[in-house]
Amino acid sequence: MKISKVLIGIDDSKYAEHAAEYGFDIAHKFKASVGVVNIIEPVVIPETGVGVDPLMGTGSPANIAQEMEILGIQKHNSENIVEAVIKRLAGNTEVAHFTEYGSTADGIISCSKEFGADLIVIGTHSRSGLDRLLMGSVAEHVIRHTEIPVLVV
């Protein structure tokens, strides 16, 4: 088994921090390059009814501006998360940075294909019961839908 590219999925949780540590450790041992991905999930702002076109379903310019502002904040936060992880763990390792928008699990899978990863490393939030039923499991989705090994930390 040859591991030359490791993709690490991160967010701002302690679980992702542990996964990043494992991922970079593996990359250092195998002298592999690393891809770090943070997924930005869209935020839905409910329409207030003012300025909403009932036929077209379009929002008011104020809501669109607010959504754009939130998207900018999310992108800035995503970049900060990735830069902090790279600064803390990368050392001399070659690192590619990915920021995706949409479903976390699908974004990780998409980036793994784009990067040509041999291994995906992700953390899990240890959800169970009703929370898992309602929220789903990113790790489980990635494991079921990718064609490469996944290390879940």
N, C-alpha and C. Protein backbone atom coordinates (compact mmCIF):
# COMPACT_ATOMS: atom_id res chain seq x y z
N MET A 1 0.85 -1.18 0.00
CA MET A 1 0.00 0.00 0.00
C MET A 1 0.89 1.23 0.00
N LYS A 2 0.61 2.14 -0.91
CA LYS A 2 1.35 3.39 -1.03
C LYS A 2 0.42 4.54 -0.70
N ILE A 3 0.83 5.38 0.23
CA ILE A 3 0.08 6.58 0.55
C ILE A 3 0.93 7.77 0.16
N SER A 4 0.54 8.44 -0.93
CA SER A 4 1.30 9.60 -1.37
C SER A 4 0.52 10.90 -1.22
N LYS A 5 -0.81 10.78 -1.03
CA LYS A 5 -1.64 11.97 -0.85
C LYS A 5 -2.71 11.69 0.20
N VAL A 6 -2.76 12.54 1.22
CA VAL A 6 -3.71 12.40 2.31
C VAL A 6 -4.62 13.62 2.31
N LEU A 7 -5.92 13.39 2.25
CA LEU A 7 -6.88 14.49 2.35
C LEU A 7 -7.44 14.52 3.76
N ILE A 8 -7.39 15.69 4.39
CA ILE A 8 -7.88 15.84 5.76
C ILE A 8 -9.05 16.82 5.74
N GLY A 9 -10.20 16.35 6.20
CA GLY A 9 -11.38 17.20 6.31
C GLY A 9 -11.40 17.85 7.69
N ILE A 10 -11.51 19.17 7.72
CA ILE A 10 -11.49 19.87 9.01
C ILE A 10 -12.64 20.86 9.14
N ASP A 11 -12.96 21.13 10.39
CA ASP A 11 -13.85 22.24 10.73
C ASP A 11 -13.25 22.86 12.00
N ASP A 12 -14.02 23.58 12.76
CA ASP A 12 -13.46 24.23 13.94
C ASP A 12 -13.71 23.45 15.22
N SER A 13 -13.85 22.13 15.12
CA SER A 13 -14.13 21.31 16.29
C SER A 13 -12.87 20.63 16.80
N LYS A 14 -12.93 20.17 18.05
CA LYS A 14 -11.80 19.42 18.62
C LYS A 14 -11.64 18.08 17.91
N TYR A 15 -12.73 17.54 17.37
CA TYR A 15 -12.67 16.27 16.65
C TYR A 15 -11.85 16.41 15.37
N ALA A 16 -12.06 17.51 14.67
CA ALA A 16 -11.31 17.76 13.44
C ALA A 16 -9.84 18.04 13.76
N GLU A 17 -9.60 18.68 14.89
CA GLU A 17 -8.22 18.95 15.31
C GLU A 17 -7.46 17.64 15.52
N HIS A 18 -8.10 16.69 16.18
CA HIS A 18 -7.48 15.37 16.38
C HIS A 18 -7.26 14.67 15.04
N ALA A 19 -8.23 14.76 14.16
CA ALA A 19 -8.10 14.14 12.85
C ALA A 19 -6.95 14.76 12.07
N ALA A 20 -6.81 16.07 12.15
CA ALA A 20 -5.72 16.76 11.45
C ALA A 20 -4.36 16.30 11.99
N GLU A 21 -4.27 16.13 13.30
CA GLU A 21 -3.02 15.65 13.89
C GLU A 21 -2.67 14.26 13.36
N TYR A 22 -3.65 13.36 13.33
CA TYR A 22 -3.42 12.02 12.79
C TYR A 22 -3.05 12.08 11.31
N GLY A 23 -3.81 12.87 10.55
CA GLY A 23 -3.56 12.97 9.11
C GLY A 23 -2.17 13.48 8.79
N PHE A 24 -1.74 14.53 9.47
CA PHE A 24 -0.40 15.07 9.22
C PHE A 24 0.67 14.09 9.70
N ASP A 25 0.42 13.39 10.80
CA ASP A 25 1.38 12.41 11.29
C ASP A 25 1.57 11.29 10.25
N ILE A 26 0.49 10.82 9.70
CA ILE A 26 0.56 9.79 8.65
C ILE A 26 1.31 10.33 7.43
N ALA A 27 0.97 11.56 7.04
CA ALA A 27 1.62 12.17 5.87
C ALA A 27 3.13 12.31 6.10
N HIS A 28 3.53 12.71 7.29
CA HIS A 28 4.97 12.84 7.60
C HIS A 28 5.66 11.48 7.51
N LYS A 29 5.02 10.45 8.06
CA LYS A 29 5.63 9.12 8.06
C LYS A 29 5.77 8.54 6.65
N PHE A 30 4.78 8.82 5.79
CA PHE A 30 4.81 8.30 4.42
C PHE A 30 5.42 9.29 3.42
N LYS A 31 5.85 10.46 3.93
CA LYS A 31 6.37 11.53 3.07
C LYS A 31 5.34 11.88 1.99
N ALA A 32 4.10 11.95 2.40
CA ALA A 32 2.99 12.22 1.49
C ALA A 32 2.64 13.70 1.50
N SER A 33 2.03 14.15 0.43
CA SER A 33 1.50 15.51 0.41
C SER A 33 0.11 15.49 1.04
N VAL A 34 -0.34 16.65 1.48
CA VAL A 34 -1.60 16.75 2.21
C VAL A 34 -2.53 17.73 1.51
N GLY A 35 -3.79 17.37 1.47
CA GLY A 35 -4.85 18.29 1.07
C GLY A 35 -5.70 18.55 2.29
N VAL A 36 -5.95 19.81 2.58
CA VAL A 36 -6.79 20.18 3.71
C VAL A 36 -8.06 20.80 3.14
N VAL A 37 -9.21 20.28 3.56
CA VAL A 37 -10.48 20.78 3.04
C VAL A 37 -11.38 21.20 4.18
N ASN A 38 -12.01 22.35 3.99
CA ASN A 38 -13.05 22.83 4.89
C ASN A 38 -14.27 23.12 4.04
N ILE A 39 -15.39 22.57 4.43
CA ILE A 39 -16.62 22.72 3.66
C ILE A 39 -17.49 23.80 4.30
N ILE A 40 -17.98 24.70 3.46
CA ILE A 40 -18.89 25.75 3.92
C ILE A 40 -20.29 25.33 3.51
N GLU A 41 -21.10 25.02 4.52
CA GLU A 41 -22.48 24.64 4.24
C GLU A 41 -23.32 25.91 4.16
N PRO A 42 -24.21 25.99 3.18
CA PRO A 42 -25.00 27.21 3.01
C PRO A 42 -25.91 27.46 4.21
N VAL A 43 -26.05 28.73 4.53
CA VAL A 43 -26.95 29.14 5.60
C VAL A 43 -28.23 29.62 4.93
N VAL A 44 -29.35 29.12 5.41
CA VAL A 44 -30.63 29.53 4.84
C VAL A 44 -31.25 30.58 5.75
N ILE A 45 -31.49 31.74 5.16
CA ILE A 45 -32.13 32.83 5.90
C ILE A 45 -33.60 32.84 5.52
N PRO A 46 -34.48 32.63 6.48
CA PRO A 46 -35.90 32.59 6.15
C PRO A 46 -36.39 33.96 5.66
N GLU A 47 -37.23 33.92 4.67
CA GLU A 47 -37.83 35.14 4.15
C GLU A 47 -38.85 35.66 5.16
N THR A 48 -38.90 36.96 5.29
CA THR A 48 -39.83 37.56 6.25
C THR A 48 -41.18 37.85 5.62
N GLY A 49 -41.26 37.70 4.33
CA GLY A 49 -42.53 38.00 3.66
C GLY A 49 -42.51 39.36 2.98
N VAL A 50 -41.68 40.25 3.44
CA VAL A 50 -41.57 41.58 2.84
C VAL A 50 -40.64 41.50 1.65
N GLY A 51 -41.11 41.90 0.50
CA GLY A 51 -40.28 41.90 -0.69
C GLY A 51 -40.16 40.55 -1.36
N VAL A 52 -40.94 39.58 -0.94
CA VAL A 52 -40.89 38.26 -1.54
C VAL A 52 -41.92 38.19 -2.65
N ASP A 53 -41.49 37.77 -3.81
CA ASP A 53 -42.39 37.60 -4.93
C ASP A 53 -43.01 36.21 -4.82
N PRO A 54 -44.31 36.10 -4.53
CA PRO A 54 -44.92 34.79 -4.31
C PRO A 54 -44.93 33.90 -5.56
N LEU A 55 -44.92 34.49 -6.75
CA LEU A 55 -44.93 33.69 -7.97
C LEU A 55 -43.54 33.18 -8.32
N MET A 56 -42.54 34.03 -8.16
CA MET A 56 -41.18 33.67 -8.54
C MET A 56 -40.38 33.08 -7.38
N GLY A 57 -40.81 33.35 -6.14
CA GLY A 57 -40.10 32.83 -4.99
C GLY A 57 -38.78 33.53 -4.73
N THR A 58 -38.60 34.70 -5.31
CA THR A 58 -37.33 35.41 -5.14
C THR A 58 -37.36 36.29 -3.91
N GLY A 59 -36.20 36.44 -3.33
CA GLY A 59 -36.07 37.23 -2.12
C GLY A 59 -35.82 38.70 -2.41
N SER A 60 -35.89 39.47 -1.37
CA SER A 60 -35.64 40.90 -1.49
C SER A 60 -34.15 41.15 -1.61
N PRO A 61 -33.78 42.30 -2.16
CA PRO A 61 -32.35 42.65 -2.25
C PRO A 61 -31.68 42.68 -0.87
N ALA A 62 -32.42 43.04 0.17
CA ALA A 62 -31.85 43.09 1.52
C ALA A 62 -31.46 41.68 1.97
N ASN A 63 -32.30 40.69 1.70
CA ASN A 63 -31.98 39.30 2.08
C ASN A 63 -30.80 38.77 1.29
N ILE A 64 -30.75 39.11 0.01
CA ILE A 64 -29.64 38.66 -0.83
C ILE A 64 -28.34 39.27 -0.34
N ALA A 65 -28.36 40.55 0.00
CA ALA A 65 -27.16 41.22 0.54
C ALA A 65 -26.74 40.58 1.86
N GLN A 66 -27.71 40.24 2.70
CA GLN A 66 -27.41 39.61 3.98
C GLN A 66 -26.79 38.23 3.76
N GLU A 67 -27.31 37.46 2.81
CA GLU A 67 -26.76 36.15 2.51
C GLU A 67 -25.33 36.27 1.98
N MET A 68 -25.07 37.26 1.15
CA MET A 68 -23.72 37.48 0.61
C MET A 68 -22.75 37.85 1.72
N GLU A 69 -23.20 38.66 2.66
CA GLU A 69 -22.36 39.05 3.79
C GLU A 69 -22.02 37.82 4.65
N ILE A 70 -23.02 37.00 4.91
CA ILE A 70 -22.79 35.78 5.70
C ILE A 70 -21.83 34.85 4.97
N LEU A 71 -21.99 34.72 3.66
CA LEU A 71 -21.11 33.86 2.87
C LEU A 71 -19.67 34.37 2.96
N GLY A 72 -19.47 35.68 2.91
CA GLY A 72 -18.14 36.26 3.04
C GLY A 72 -17.53 35.96 4.40
N ILE A 73 -18.33 36.06 5.45
CA ILE A 73 -17.86 35.76 6.80
C ILE A 73 -17.48 34.28 6.91
N GLN A 74 -18.32 33.40 6.35
CA GLN A 74 -18.03 31.97 6.39
C GLN A 74 -16.73 31.65 5.64
N LYS A 75 -16.53 32.28 4.50
CA LYS A 75 -15.31 32.05 3.71
C LYS A 75 -14.08 32.51 4.49
N HIS A 76 -14.17 33.66 5.12
CA HIS A 76 -13.07 34.19 5.92
C HIS A 76 -12.76 33.23 7.08
N ASN A 77 -13.79 32.77 7.77
CA ASN A 77 -13.60 31.82 8.88
C ASN A 77 -12.97 30.52 8.39
N SER A 78 -13.43 30.04 7.23
CA SER A 78 -12.89 28.81 6.66
C SER A 78 -11.40 28.95 6.38
N GLU A 79 -11.02 30.08 5.78
CA GLU A 79 -9.60 30.32 5.49
C GLU A 79 -8.78 30.37 6.77
N ASN A 80 -9.32 30.99 7.81
CA ASN A 80 -8.60 31.07 9.10
C ASN A 80 -8.40 29.69 9.71
N ILE A 81 -9.45 28.84 9.64
CA ILE A 81 -9.36 27.48 10.18
C ILE A 81 -8.27 26.70 9.46
N VAL A 82 -8.27 26.75 8.14
CA VAL A 82 -7.31 26.00 7.34
C VAL A 82 -5.89 26.53 7.58
N GLU A 83 -5.72 27.85 7.56
CA GLU A 83 -4.39 28.43 7.76
C GLU A 83 -3.82 28.07 9.13
N ALA A 84 -4.65 28.06 10.16
CA ALA A 84 -4.19 27.72 11.51
C ALA A 84 -3.70 26.28 11.58
N VAL A 85 -4.44 25.37 10.95
CA VAL A 85 -4.06 23.95 10.95
C VAL A 85 -2.75 23.77 10.18
N ILE A 86 -2.65 24.39 9.04
CA ILE A 86 -1.43 24.26 8.23
C ILE A 86 -0.23 24.82 8.99
N LYS A 87 -0.39 25.98 9.57
CA LYS A 87 0.70 26.62 10.31
C LYS A 87 1.16 25.75 11.48
N ARG A 88 0.21 25.14 12.17
CA ARG A 88 0.51 24.36 13.37
C ARG A 88 1.09 22.98 13.06
N LEU A 89 0.64 22.34 11.95
CA LEU A 89 0.97 20.93 11.75
C LEU A 89 1.79 20.60 10.50
N ALA A 90 1.81 21.46 9.51
CA ALA A 90 2.38 21.10 8.21
C ALA A 90 3.89 20.91 8.22
N GLY A 91 4.62 21.77 8.90
CA GLY A 91 6.08 21.69 8.82
C GLY A 91 6.52 21.89 7.39
N ASN A 92 7.31 20.94 6.87
CA ASN A 92 7.82 21.02 5.49
C ASN A 92 6.94 20.27 4.49
N THR A 93 5.81 19.77 4.95
CA THR A 93 4.93 18.98 4.09
C THR A 93 4.24 19.88 3.07
N GLU A 94 4.16 19.39 1.84
CA GLU A 94 3.45 20.10 0.78
C GLU A 94 1.95 20.02 1.06
N VAL A 95 1.27 21.17 1.08
CA VAL A 95 -0.14 21.21 1.44
C VAL A 95 -0.95 21.94 0.37
N ALA A 96 -2.03 21.32 -0.07
CA ALA A 96 -3.01 21.95 -0.95
C ALA A 96 -4.22 22.31 -0.10
N HIS A 97 -4.85 23.41 -0.42
CA HIS A 97 -5.98 23.90 0.37
C HIS A 97 -7.23 23.90 -0.50
N PHE A 98 -8.32 23.35 0.03
CA PHE A 98 -9.58 23.32 -0.68
C PHE A 98 -10.67 23.94 0.19
N THR A 99 -11.49 24.76 -0.41
CA THR A 99 -12.70 25.26 0.25
C THR A 99 -13.85 24.93 -0.69
N GLU A 100 -14.80 24.19 -0.19
CA GLU A 100 -15.96 23.79 -0.98
C GLU A 100 -17.23 24.36 -0.34
N TYR A 101 -18.26 24.49 -1.14
CA TYR A 101 -19.56 24.95 -0.67
C TYR A 101 -20.58 23.85 -0.90
N GLY A 102 -21.40 23.59 0.11
CA GLY A 102 -22.46 22.60 -0.04
C GLY A 102 -22.41 21.54 1.04
N SER A 103 -22.79 20.35 0.67
CA SER A 103 -22.83 19.22 1.60
C SER A 103 -21.42 18.84 2.03
N THR A 104 -21.21 18.71 3.33
CA THR A 104 -19.88 18.39 3.85
C THR A 104 -19.37 17.07 3.31
N ALA A 105 -20.16 16.03 3.41
CA ALA A 105 -19.72 14.71 2.97
C ALA A 105 -19.42 14.68 1.47
N ASP A 106 -20.32 15.21 0.67
CA ASP A 106 -20.10 15.22 -0.78
C ASP A 106 -18.91 16.09 -1.16
N GLY A 107 -18.72 17.19 -0.43
CA GLY A 107 -17.58 18.06 -0.69
C GLY A 107 -16.26 17.37 -0.42
N ILE A 108 -16.20 16.60 0.67
CA ILE A 108 -14.98 15.85 1.01
C ILE A 108 -14.69 14.81 -0.08
N ILE A 109 -15.72 14.10 -0.51
CA ILE A 109 -15.54 13.09 -1.55
C ILE A 109 -15.08 13.74 -2.85
N SER A 110 -15.69 14.85 -3.22
CA SER A 110 -15.32 15.56 -4.44
C SER A 110 -13.87 16.03 -4.39
N CYS A 111 -13.46 16.59 -3.26
CA CYS A 111 -12.07 17.05 -3.11
C CYS A 111 -11.09 15.89 -3.14
N SER A 112 -11.48 14.75 -2.59
CA SER A 112 -10.57 13.59 -2.61
C SER A 112 -10.30 13.15 -4.04
N LYS A 113 -11.32 13.22 -4.88
CA LYS A 113 -11.14 12.86 -6.29
C LYS A 113 -10.28 13.89 -7.01
N GLU A 114 -10.58 15.18 -6.77
CA GLU A 114 -9.82 16.26 -7.41
C GLU A 114 -8.35 16.21 -7.00
N PHE A 115 -8.09 15.93 -5.74
CA PHE A 115 -6.73 15.89 -5.20
C PHE A 115 -6.01 14.58 -5.55
N GLY A 116 -6.77 13.54 -5.85
CA GLY A 116 -6.18 12.24 -6.13
C GLY A 116 -5.70 11.56 -4.85
N ALA A 117 -6.47 11.73 -3.79
CA ALA A 117 -6.08 11.23 -2.47
C ALA A 117 -6.05 9.71 -2.42
N ASP A 118 -5.10 9.21 -1.63
CA ASP A 118 -5.01 7.77 -1.36
C ASP A 118 -5.68 7.43 -0.04
N LEU A 119 -5.92 8.45 0.80
CA LEU A 119 -6.51 8.26 2.11
C LEU A 119 -7.24 9.53 2.51
N ILE A 120 -8.42 9.37 3.10
CA ILE A 120 -9.17 10.49 3.67
C ILE A 120 -9.13 10.34 5.18
N VAL A 121 -8.83 11.43 5.87
CA VAL A 121 -8.83 11.43 7.33
C VAL A 121 -9.84 12.47 7.80
N ILE A 122 -10.82 12.02 8.60
CA ILE A 122 -11.84 12.93 9.13
C ILE A 122 -12.13 12.60 10.57
N GLY A 123 -12.64 13.59 11.28
CA GLY A 123 -13.07 13.38 12.66
C GLY A 123 -14.55 13.10 12.68
N THR A 124 -15.01 12.55 13.77
CA THR A 124 -16.44 12.33 13.93
C THR A 124 -16.90 12.98 15.22
N HIS A 125 -18.09 13.49 15.19
CA HIS A 125 -18.66 14.17 16.34
C HIS A 125 -19.36 13.21 17.30
N SER A 126 -19.28 11.94 17.02
CA SER A 126 -19.86 10.89 17.89
C SER A 126 -21.34 11.09 18.15
N ARG A 127 -22.07 11.45 17.12
CA ARG A 127 -23.52 11.59 17.28
C ARG A 127 -24.15 10.21 17.38
N SER A 128 -25.23 10.15 18.11
CA SER A 128 -25.97 8.89 18.19
C SER A 128 -27.44 9.20 18.41
N GLY A 129 -28.24 8.18 18.30
CA GLY A 129 -29.66 8.32 18.59
C GLY A 129 -30.36 9.30 17.68
N LEU A 130 -31.24 10.11 18.26
CA LEU A 130 -32.06 11.05 17.52
C LEU A 130 -31.22 12.09 16.79
N ASP A 131 -30.15 12.57 17.42
CA ASP A 131 -29.27 13.56 16.81
C ASP A 131 -28.68 13.02 15.50
N ARG A 132 -28.24 11.75 15.51
CA ARG A 132 -27.68 11.16 14.31
C ARG A 132 -28.75 10.97 13.25
N LEU A 133 -29.95 10.57 13.67
CA LEU A 133 -31.05 10.38 12.74
C LEU A 133 -31.39 11.69 12.03
N LEU A 134 -31.43 12.79 12.78
CA LEU A 134 -31.80 14.08 12.21
C LEU A 134 -30.66 14.74 11.45
N MET A 135 -29.45 14.64 11.98
CA MET A 135 -28.30 15.33 11.39
C MET A 135 -27.53 14.47 10.40
N GLY A 136 -27.64 13.15 10.53
CA GLY A 136 -26.87 12.27 9.68
C GLY A 136 -25.44 12.20 10.17
N SER A 137 -24.64 11.43 9.52
CA SER A 137 -23.25 11.30 9.89
C SER A 137 -22.40 11.55 8.65
N VAL A 138 -21.60 12.61 8.72
CA VAL A 138 -20.70 12.92 7.61
C VAL A 138 -19.74 11.77 7.39
N ALA A 139 -19.16 11.28 8.47
CA ALA A 139 -18.19 10.19 8.36
C ALA A 139 -18.82 8.96 7.70
N GLU A 140 -20.02 8.61 8.14
CA GLU A 140 -20.69 7.44 7.57
C GLU A 140 -20.95 7.62 6.08
N HIS A 141 -21.40 8.82 5.68
CA HIS A 141 -21.66 9.08 4.27
C HIS A 141 -20.38 8.97 3.44
N VAL A 142 -19.30 9.55 3.96
CA VAL A 142 -18.03 9.49 3.23
C VAL A 142 -17.58 8.03 3.09
N ILE A 143 -17.64 7.28 4.16
CA ILE A 143 -17.22 5.87 4.12
C ILE A 143 -18.04 5.09 3.10
N ARG A 144 -19.34 5.32 3.06
CA ARG A 144 -20.22 4.55 2.16
C ARG A 144 -20.09 4.95 0.69
N HIS A 145 -19.63 6.18 0.42
CA HIS A 145 -19.68 6.68 -0.95
C HIS A 145 -18.33 6.96 -1.60
N THR A 146 -17.24 6.72 -0.90
CA THR A 146 -15.94 6.93 -1.52
C THR A 146 -15.33 5.58 -1.88
N GLU A 147 -14.36 5.64 -2.77
CA GLU A 147 -13.72 4.41 -3.23
C GLU A 147 -12.34 4.22 -2.61
N ILE A 148 -11.95 5.13 -1.72
CA ILE A 148 -10.62 5.02 -1.11
C ILE A 148 -10.76 4.85 0.41
N PRO A 149 -9.71 4.40 1.07
CA PRO A 149 -9.78 4.19 2.52
C PRO A 149 -10.05 5.51 3.27
N VAL A 150 -10.77 5.37 4.37
CA VAL A 150 -11.11 6.51 5.23
C VAL A 150 -10.70 6.17 6.65
N LEU A 151 -9.94 7.07 7.26
CA LEU A 151 -9.60 6.92 8.67
C LEU A 151 -10.47 7.90 9.43
N VAL A 152 -11.31 7.37 10.31
CA VAL A 152 -12.19 8.20 11.12
C VAL A 152 -11.61 8.28 12.52
N VAL A 153 -11.35 9.51 12.96
CA VAL A 153 -10.73 9.75 14.26
C VAL A 153 -11.80 10.22 15.22
